[in-house]
Amino acid sequence: ADLPNDAALRQKLSGLRDQATLATGQSMLLQYHGDRIMKALAAKGVAARIVKGPVFARKLYRHAADRPFTDIDILVDPASIGEANNVIAECGFTLGSGEAESHELQEFKWLEKENSSLLIELHGNLVHDTGMRRR
């Protein structure tokens, strides 16, 4: 309210507000698809949990808009990766990462067919460094 009457400053603030609105909308859209995938996984009996982004936004921040996120990370038992990948594909996503590397890292990157800015990451292990994983 007490900002100087500076056109450049007001333009910069307007741009930042627009960016924040887009980031919040993207997070909401990701949350919708994450919830949809979680319901489909549960229907197939695949135990899974959403981790990181939306969980941090909900548990650590007063307002979800204070912690936008750019993907949904889903953690499953490594033995369930195949079934979980099938479910995500059935939900309208296509594999966006190399299959061999994905299996090695136990991390599969899925992109929504109609909107490739929507990224779902399926993890069988949150430790990606294979040396650390062995320890």
C-alpha atoms as a PDB file:
ATOM      1  CA  ALA A   1       0.000   0.000   0.000  1.00  0.00           C
ATOM      2  CA  ASP A   2       2.915   2.357   0.700  1.00  0.00           C
ATOM      3  CA  LEU A   3       4.863   1.628  -2.467  1.00  0.00           C
ATOM      4  CA  PRO A   4       6.353   4.489  -4.430  1.00  0.00           C
ATOM      5  CA  ASN A   5       4.421   5.558  -7.489  1.00  0.00           C
ATOM      6  CA  ASP A   6       6.923   3.929  -9.850  1.00  0.00           C
ATOM      7  CA  ALA A   7       5.552   2.474 -13.097  1.00  0.00           C
ATOM      8  CA  ALA A   8       8.459   0.012 -13.522  1.00  0.00           C
ATOM      9  CA  LEU A   9       8.015  -1.279  -9.975  1.00  0.00           C
ATOM     10  CA  ARG A  10       4.273  -1.691 -10.419  1.00  0.00           C
ATOM     11  CA  GLN A  11       4.832  -3.528 -13.720  1.00  0.00           C
ATOM     12  CA  LYS A  12       7.348  -5.852 -12.046  1.00  0.00           C
ATOM     13  CA  LEU A  13       4.914  -6.575  -9.190  1.00  0.00           C
ATOM     14  CA  SER A  14       2.126  -7.266 -11.661  1.00  0.00           C
ATOM     15  CA  GLY A  15       4.340  -9.773 -13.482  1.00  0.00           C
ATOM     16  CA  LEU A  16       5.253 -11.479 -10.208  1.00  0.00           C
ATOM     17  CA  ARG A  17       1.574 -11.738  -9.255  1.00  0.00           C
ATOM     18  CA  ASP A  18       0.825 -13.323 -12.630  1.00  0.00           C
ATOM     19  CA  GLN A  19       3.674 -15.819 -12.150  1.00  0.00           C
ATOM     20  CA  ALA A  20       2.416 -16.697  -8.666  1.00  0.00           C
ATOM     21  CA  THR A  21      -1.108 -17.224  -9.999  1.00  0.00           C
ATOM     22  CA  LEU A  22       0.153 -19.517 -12.770  1.00  0.00           C
ATOM     23  CA  ALA A  23       2.333 -21.496 -10.337  1.00  0.00           C
ATOM     24  CA  THR A  24      -0.599 -21.939  -7.955  1.00  0.00           C
ATOM     25  CA  GLY A  25      -2.872 -23.049 -10.795  1.00  0.00           C
ATOM     26  CA  GLN A  26      -0.255 -25.512 -12.036  1.00  0.00           C
ATOM     27  CA  SER A  27       0.082 -26.932  -8.522  1.00  0.00           C
ATOM     28  CA  MET A  28      -3.693 -27.338  -8.255  1.00  0.00           C
ATOM     29  CA  LEU A  29      -3.831 -29.121 -11.607  1.00  0.00           C
ATOM     30  CA  LEU A  30      -0.983 -31.414 -10.565  1.00  0.00           C
ATOM     31  CA  GLN A  31      -2.752 -32.148  -7.273  1.00  0.00           C
ATOM     32  CA  TYR A  32      -5.911 -33.098  -9.179  1.00  0.00           C
ATOM     33  CA  HIS A  33      -4.031 -35.572 -11.385  1.00  0.00           C
ATOM     34  CA  GLY A  34      -2.052 -36.905  -8.433  1.00  0.00           C
ATOM     35  CA  ASP A  35      -5.272 -37.594  -6.538  1.00  0.00           C
ATOM     36  CA  ARG A  36      -6.779 -39.255  -9.608  1.00  0.00           C
ATOM     37  CA  ILE A  37      -3.745 -41.526 -10.008  1.00  0.00           C
ATOM     38  CA  MET A  38      -3.718 -42.365  -6.296  1.00  0.00           C
ATOM     39  CA  LYS A  39      -7.378 -43.458  -6.502  1.00  0.00           C
ATOM     40  CA  ALA A  40      -6.589 -45.622  -9.532  1.00  0.00           C
ATOM     41  CA  LEU A  41      -3.582 -47.169  -7.749  1.00  0.00           C
ATOM     42  CA  ALA A  42      -5.705 -47.908  -4.674  1.00  0.00           C
ATOM     43  CA  ALA A  43      -8.387 -49.515  -6.868  1.00  0.00           C
ATOM     44  CA  LYS A  44      -5.721 -51.878  -8.237  1.00  0.00           C
ATOM     45  CA  GLY A  45      -4.389 -52.617  -4.741  1.00  0.00           C
ATOM     46  CA  VAL A  46      -1.065 -50.825  -5.285  1.00  0.00           C
ATOM     47  CA  ALA A  47       0.150 -49.231  -2.052  1.00  0.00           C
ATOM     48  CA  ALA A  48       1.546 -45.764  -2.815  1.00  0.00           C
ATOM     49  CA  ARG A  49       2.167 -42.384  -1.201  1.00  0.00           C
ATOM     50  CA  ILE A  50       2.551 -38.912  -2.612  1.00  0.00           C
ATOM     51  CA  VAL A  51       5.751 -37.413  -1.214  1.00  0.00           C
ATOM     52  CA  LYS A  52       7.554 -34.077  -1.267  1.00  0.00           C
ATOM     53  CA  GLY A  53       5.858 -31.125  -3.065  1.00  0.00           C
ATOM     54  CA  PRO A  54       2.160 -31.215  -2.196  1.00  0.00           C
ATOM     55  CA  VAL A  55       2.825 -32.858   1.167  1.00  0.00           C
ATOM     56  CA  PHE A  56       5.269 -30.084   2.095  1.00  0.00           C
ATOM     57  CA  ALA A  57       2.823 -27.440   0.843  1.00  0.00           C
ATOM     58  CA  ARG A  58       0.029 -28.844   3.010  1.00  0.00           C
ATOM     59  CA  LYS A  59       1.992 -29.666   6.149  1.00  0.00           C
ATOM     60  CA  LEU A  60       4.659 -26.962   6.327  1.00  0.00           C
ATOM     61  CA  TYR A  61       3.040 -23.832   4.910  1.00  0.00           C
ATOM     62  CA  ARG A  62       0.055 -21.851   6.078  1.00  0.00           C
ATOM     63  CA  HIS A  63      -1.147 -21.237   2.525  1.00  0.00           C
ATOM     64  CA  ALA A  64      -0.656 -23.819  -0.208  1.00  0.00           C
ATOM     65  CA  ALA A  65       0.191 -20.992  -2.634  1.00  0.00           C
ATOM     66  CA  ASP A  66       3.300 -20.296  -0.542  1.00  0.00           C
ATOM     67  CA  ARG A  67       4.791 -23.607  -1.727  1.00  0.00           C
ATOM     68  CA  PRO A  68       4.043 -24.267  -5.385  1.00  0.00           C
ATOM     69  CA  PHE A  69       5.383 -27.497  -6.868  1.00  0.00           C
ATOM     70  CA  THR A  70       6.253 -28.561 -10.388  1.00  0.00           C
ATOM     71  CA  ASP A  71       5.560 -32.288 -10.260  1.00  0.00           C
ATOM     72  CA  ILE A  72       3.933 -35.025  -8.227  1.00  0.00           C
ATOM     73  CA  ASP A  73       6.256 -37.622  -6.723  1.00  0.00           C
ATOM     74  CA  ILE A  74       4.674 -40.987  -5.960  1.00  0.00           C
ATOM     75  CA  LEU A  75       6.553 -43.594  -3.937  1.00  0.00           C
ATOM     76  CA  VAL A  76       5.759 -47.302  -4.317  1.00  0.00           C
ATOM     77  CA  ASP A  77       7.391 -50.540  -3.280  1.00  0.00           C
ATOM     78  CA  PRO A  78       9.946 -51.455  -5.981  1.00  0.00           C
ATOM     79  CA  ALA A  79       8.043 -54.716  -6.520  1.00  0.00           C
ATOM     80  CA  SER A  80       4.966 -52.667  -7.530  1.00  0.00           C
ATOM     81  CA  ILE A  81       6.660 -50.425 -10.098  1.00  0.00           C
ATOM     82  CA  GLY A  82       5.382 -52.395 -13.109  1.00  0.00           C
ATOM     83  CA  GLU A  83       1.764 -52.305 -11.981  1.00  0.00           C
ATOM     84  CA  ALA A  84       2.032 -48.648 -10.944  1.00  0.00           C
ATOM     85  CA  ASN A  85       3.471 -47.721 -14.346  1.00  0.00           C
ATOM     86  CA  ASN A  86       0.524 -49.467 -16.030  1.00  0.00           C
ATOM     87  CA  VAL A  87      -1.941 -47.513 -13.896  1.00  0.00           C
ATOM     88  CA  ILE A  88      -0.287 -44.169 -14.671  1.00  0.00           C
ATOM     89  CA  ALA A  89      -0.370 -44.986 -18.395  1.00  0.00           C
ATOM     90  CA  GLU A  90      -4.078 -45.861 -18.097  1.00  0.00           C
ATOM     91  CA  CYS A  91      -4.619 -42.421 -16.525  1.00  0.00           C
ATOM     92  CA  GLY A  92      -3.462 -40.715 -19.726  1.00  0.00           C
ATOM     93  CA  PHE A  93       0.254 -40.227 -19.168  1.00  0.00           C
ATOM     94  CA  THR A  94       3.166 -41.221 -21.405  1.00  0.00           C
ATOM     95  CA  LEU A  95       6.625 -42.223 -20.272  1.00  0.00           C
ATOM     96  CA  GLY A  96       8.947 -39.271 -20.727  1.00  0.00           C
ATOM     97  CA  SER A  97      12.157 -40.865 -19.464  1.00  0.00           C
ATOM     98  CA  GLY A  98      14.373 -43.576 -20.875  1.00  0.00           C
ATOM     99  CA  GLU A  99      13.131 -46.975 -19.808  1.00  0.00           C
ATOM    100  CA  ALA A 100      16.533 -48.543 -19.022  1.00  0.00           C
ATOM    101  CA  GLU A 101      17.704 -45.595 -16.919  1.00  0.00           C
ATOM    102  CA  SER A 102      14.300 -45.373 -15.234  1.00  0.00           C
ATOM    103  CA  HIS A 103      14.530 -49.007 -14.133  1.00  0.00           C
ATOM    104  CA  GLU A 104      18.095 -48.499 -12.880  1.00  0.00           C
ATOM    105  CA  LEU A 105      17.181 -45.403 -10.854  1.00  0.00           C
ATOM    106  CA  GLN A 106      13.695 -46.666  -9.930  1.00  0.00           C
ATOM    107  CA  GLU A 107      12.391 -43.303 -11.133  1.00  0.00           C
ATOM    108  CA  PHE A 108       9.913 -43.018 -13.999  1.00  0.00           C
ATOM    109  CA  LYS A 109       8.937 -39.605 -15.398  1.00  0.00           C
ATOM    110  CA  TRP A 110       5.423 -39.496 -16.815  1.00  0.00           C
ATOM    111  CA  LEU A 111       3.974 -36.607 -18.852  1.00  0.00           C
ATOM    112  CA  GLU A 112       0.274 -35.977 -19.344  1.00  0.00           C
ATOM    113  CA  LYS A 113      -0.613 -36.625 -23.012  1.00  0.00           C
ATOM    114  CA  GLU A 114      -2.560 -33.384 -23.512  1.00  0.00           C
ATOM    115  CA  ASN A 115      -0.357 -31.132 -21.338  1.00  0.00           C
ATOM    116  CA  SER A 116       3.318 -32.077 -21.161  1.00  0.00           C
ATOM    117  CA  SER A 117       3.929 -29.527 -18.394  1.00  0.00           C
ATOM    118  CA  LEU A 118       2.207 -31.974 -16.016  1.00  0.00           C
ATOM    119  CA  LEU A 119       4.895 -34.295 -14.662  1.00  0.00           C
ATOM    120  CA  ILE A 120       4.337 -37.341 -12.448  1.00  0.00           C
ATOM    121  CA  GLU A 121       7.424 -39.070 -11.083  1.00  0.00           C
ATOM    122  CA  LEU A 122       7.070 -42.645  -9.907  1.00  0.00           C
ATOM    123  CA  HIS A 123       9.760 -43.711  -7.442  1.00  0.00           C
ATOM    124  CA  GLY A 124      10.686 -47.112  -6.095  1.00  0.00           C
ATOM    125  CA  ASN A 125      13.461 -45.484  -4.066  1.00  0.00           C
ATOM    126  CA  LEU A 126      14.003 -41.815  -3.232  1.00  0.00           C
ATOM    127  CA  VAL A 127      17.789 -42.256  -3.100  1.00  0.00           C
ATOM    128  CA  HIS A 128      18.937 -41.972  -6.704  1.00  0.00           C
ATOM    129  CA  ASP A 129      22.686 -42.271  -6.158  1.00  0.00           C
ATOM    130  CA  THR A 130      23.349 -45.999  -6.545  1.00  0.00           C
ATOM    131  CA  GLY A 131      26.419 -45.828  -4.260  1.00  0.00           C
ATOM    132  CA  MET A 132      24.369 -44.291  -1.454  1.00  0.00           C
ATOM    133  CA  ARG A 133      21.544 -46.722  -2.111  1.00  0.00           C
ATOM    134  CA  ARG A 134      23.874 -49.688  -1.501  1.00  0.00           C
ATOM    135  CA  ARG A 135      24.856 -48.228   1.874  1.00  0.00           C
END
